[in-house]
N, C-alpha and C. Protein backbone atom coordinates (compact mmCIF):
# COMPACT_ATOMS: atom_id res chain seq x y z
N MET A 1 -9.11 146.35 199.05
CA MET A 1 -9.09 144.96 198.64
C MET A 1 -10.24 144.18 199.28
N LYS A 2 -10.55 144.51 200.52
CA LYS A 2 -11.61 143.79 201.21
C LYS A 2 -12.98 144.08 200.56
N HIS A 3 -13.17 145.31 200.09
CA HIS A 3 -14.43 145.69 199.44
C HIS A 3 -14.65 144.88 198.17
N GLU A 4 -13.61 144.72 197.36
CA GLU A 4 -13.74 143.95 196.13
C GLU A 4 -14.04 142.48 196.42
N THR A 5 -13.44 141.94 197.44
CA THR A 5 -13.67 140.55 197.81
C THR A 5 -15.13 140.34 198.24
N LEU A 6 -15.64 141.27 199.01
CA LEU A 6 -17.04 141.17 199.43
C LEU A 6 -17.99 141.30 198.23
N MET A 7 -17.67 142.17 197.29
CA MET A 7 -18.50 142.34 196.10
C MET A 7 -18.49 141.06 195.26
N LEU A 8 -17.31 140.45 195.09
CA LEU A 8 -17.23 139.21 194.32
C LEU A 8 -17.94 138.06 195.02
N GLN A 9 -17.84 137.98 196.32
CA GLN A 9 -18.55 136.94 197.05
C GLN A 9 -20.06 137.12 196.97
N GLY A 10 -20.52 138.37 197.02
CA GLY A 10 -21.94 138.65 196.87
C GLY A 10 -22.43 138.31 195.48
N LEU A 11 -21.62 138.62 194.45
CA LEU A 11 -21.98 138.28 193.08
C LEU A 11 -22.03 136.77 192.89
N PHE A 12 -21.07 136.07 193.46
CA PHE A 12 -21.06 134.62 193.37
C PHE A 12 -22.29 134.02 194.04
N ALA A 13 -22.63 134.52 195.21
CA ALA A 13 -23.80 134.00 195.94
C ALA A 13 -25.09 134.27 195.16
N SER A 14 -25.22 135.46 194.59
CA SER A 14 -26.44 135.76 193.84
C SER A 14 -26.52 134.94 192.55
N CYS A 15 -25.41 134.73 191.87
CA CYS A 15 -25.41 133.89 190.67
C CYS A 15 -25.74 132.44 191.01
N LEU A 16 -25.21 131.96 192.10
CA LEU A 16 -25.51 130.60 192.54
C LEU A 16 -26.98 130.45 192.90
N LEU A 17 -27.55 131.46 193.54
CA LEU A 17 -28.97 131.42 193.88
C LEU A 17 -29.84 131.42 192.62
N VAL A 18 -29.51 132.26 191.66
CA VAL A 18 -30.29 132.33 190.42
C VAL A 18 -30.18 131.01 189.65
N CYS A 19 -28.99 130.46 189.56
CA CYS A 19 -28.81 129.18 188.85
C CYS A 19 -29.58 128.06 189.55
N THR A 20 -29.58 128.05 190.86
CA THR A 20 -30.32 127.04 191.61
C THR A 20 -31.82 127.17 191.38
N LEU A 21 -32.33 128.39 191.38
CA LEU A 21 -33.75 128.60 191.14
C LEU A 21 -34.15 128.21 189.73
N VAL A 22 -33.32 128.53 188.74
CA VAL A 22 -33.63 128.16 187.36
C VAL A 22 -33.59 126.65 187.19
N LEU A 23 -32.59 125.99 187.74
CA LEU A 23 -32.51 124.54 187.66
C LEU A 23 -33.68 123.88 188.37
N GLY A 24 -34.06 124.39 189.52
CA GLY A 24 -35.21 123.86 190.22
C GLY A 24 -36.50 124.04 189.43
N ALA A 25 -36.65 125.17 188.76
CA ALA A 25 -37.84 125.39 187.94
C ALA A 25 -37.87 124.44 186.74
N MET A 26 -36.72 124.17 186.16
CA MET A 26 -36.67 123.26 185.01
C MET A 26 -36.97 121.82 185.42
N LEU A 27 -36.56 121.44 186.61
CA LEU A 27 -36.76 120.05 187.04
C LEU A 27 -38.17 119.79 187.56
N THR A 28 -38.87 120.82 188.00
CA THR A 28 -40.20 120.61 188.57
C THR A 28 -41.33 121.01 187.64
N VAL A 29 -41.05 121.41 186.42
CA VAL A 29 -42.11 121.84 185.50
C VAL A 29 -42.92 120.62 185.05
N ARG A 30 -44.21 120.81 184.90
CA ARG A 30 -45.10 119.75 184.44
C ARG A 30 -45.53 120.07 183.02
N PRO A 31 -45.33 119.17 182.06
CA PRO A 31 -45.73 119.45 180.69
C PRO A 31 -47.24 119.47 180.55
N ILE A 32 -47.73 120.34 179.69
CA ILE A 32 -49.17 120.45 179.44
C ILE A 32 -49.54 119.39 178.40
N PRO A 33 -50.51 118.52 178.72
CA PRO A 33 -50.89 117.51 177.74
C PRO A 33 -51.59 118.16 176.53
N THR A 34 -51.26 117.70 175.36
CA THR A 34 -51.86 118.23 174.14
C THR A 34 -52.69 117.15 173.47
N GLN A 35 -53.57 117.58 172.58
CA GLN A 35 -54.39 116.63 171.86
C GLN A 35 -53.55 115.98 170.76
N PRO A 36 -53.77 114.71 170.49
CA PRO A 36 -53.05 114.08 169.39
C PRO A 36 -53.50 114.68 168.05
N ALA A 37 -52.66 114.56 167.06
CA ALA A 37 -52.94 115.18 165.77
C ALA A 37 -54.06 114.49 165.01
N GLY A 38 -54.49 113.33 165.42
CA GLY A 38 -55.51 112.59 164.70
C GLY A 38 -56.93 112.87 165.15
N THR A 39 -57.20 114.03 165.74
CA THR A 39 -58.55 114.33 166.21
C THR A 39 -59.42 114.82 165.06
N ASP A 40 -60.72 114.87 165.30
CA ASP A 40 -61.66 115.31 164.27
C ASP A 40 -61.44 116.78 163.92
N ALA A 41 -61.10 117.60 164.90
CA ALA A 41 -60.87 119.02 164.62
C ALA A 41 -59.67 119.19 163.70
N ALA A 42 -58.63 118.40 163.90
CA ALA A 42 -57.46 118.50 163.04
C ALA A 42 -57.79 118.05 161.63
N HIS A 43 -58.59 117.01 161.50
CA HIS A 43 -58.97 116.53 160.16
C HIS A 43 -59.82 117.58 159.44
N ALA A 44 -60.72 118.23 160.16
CA ALA A 44 -61.56 119.26 159.54
C ALA A 44 -60.72 120.45 159.11
N LEU A 45 -59.74 120.81 159.91
CA LEU A 45 -58.89 121.94 159.57
C LEU A 45 -58.04 121.63 158.34
N VAL A 46 -57.48 120.43 158.27
CA VAL A 46 -56.67 120.05 157.11
C VAL A 46 -57.53 119.97 155.86
N ALA A 47 -58.72 119.42 155.99
CA ALA A 47 -59.61 119.30 154.83
C ALA A 47 -60.04 120.67 154.34
N SER A 48 -60.29 121.61 155.23
CA SER A 48 -60.74 122.94 154.80
C SER A 48 -59.60 123.72 154.16
N THR A 49 -58.37 123.57 154.64
CA THR A 49 -57.27 124.33 154.05
C THR A 49 -56.81 123.72 152.73
N ASN A 50 -56.95 122.42 152.57
CA ASN A 50 -56.54 121.80 151.32
C ASN A 50 -57.54 122.03 150.20
N SER A 51 -58.81 122.23 150.52
CA SER A 51 -59.84 122.38 149.50
C SER A 51 -60.09 123.83 149.14
N CYS A 52 -59.37 124.74 149.70
CA CYS A 52 -59.59 126.16 149.43
C CYS A 52 -58.89 126.54 148.13
N GLY A 53 -59.64 127.12 147.19
CA GLY A 53 -59.05 127.53 145.92
C GLY A 53 -58.49 128.93 145.94
N ALA A 54 -58.73 129.67 147.02
CA ALA A 54 -58.26 131.05 147.08
C ALA A 54 -56.76 131.14 147.30
N SER A 55 -56.14 130.07 147.77
CA SER A 55 -54.70 130.14 148.03
C SER A 55 -53.90 130.22 146.73
N ASP A 56 -54.50 129.80 145.62
CA ASP A 56 -53.82 129.89 144.33
C ASP A 56 -53.67 131.36 143.92
N ARG A 57 -54.62 132.20 144.33
CA ARG A 57 -54.59 133.61 143.96
C ARG A 57 -53.90 134.47 145.01
N GLY A 58 -53.39 133.87 146.05
CA GLY A 58 -52.66 134.62 147.08
C GLY A 58 -53.56 135.12 148.20
N ALA A 59 -54.85 134.81 148.17
CA ALA A 59 -55.76 135.25 149.23
C ALA A 59 -55.79 134.18 150.33
N ALA A 60 -56.13 134.61 151.52
CA ALA A 60 -56.22 133.69 152.65
C ALA A 60 -57.56 132.97 152.63
N CYS A 61 -57.55 131.73 153.01
CA CYS A 61 -58.78 130.93 153.08
C CYS A 61 -59.50 131.22 154.38
N PRO A 62 -60.82 131.33 154.36
CA PRO A 62 -61.55 131.52 155.63
C PRO A 62 -61.58 130.22 156.43
N LEU A 63 -61.48 130.36 157.75
CA LEU A 63 -61.53 129.19 158.61
C LEU A 63 -62.98 128.78 158.84
N PRO A 64 -63.26 127.50 158.96
CA PRO A 64 -64.63 127.06 159.22
C PRO A 64 -65.07 127.45 160.61
N ARG A 65 -66.33 127.79 160.77
CA ARG A 65 -66.88 128.15 162.08
C ARG A 65 -67.48 126.93 162.72
N GLY A 66 -67.33 126.85 164.02
CA GLY A 66 -67.98 125.74 164.69
C GLY A 66 -67.21 125.12 165.76
C-alpha cells in the first residue's frame, strides 16, 4: 500500500510541475508582430493572383519575382 501511495504522490507532483511549466510558458509568451494586410507586397500579391488567367484552366499562377 505504501508503494502505491508513493507512486501516486510522484505522479501528482510531476503533473503539477508540467501544468505549472505550461501555464508559465503561456503567460510569458511574446506575440510576434506581423505586417498589416494593407502593405504594398500584399496588394501586389492580390493583383497578380486575380489577374492570372491560368486558374480557369486548373493551372497554378506563377508568383511575381522581386
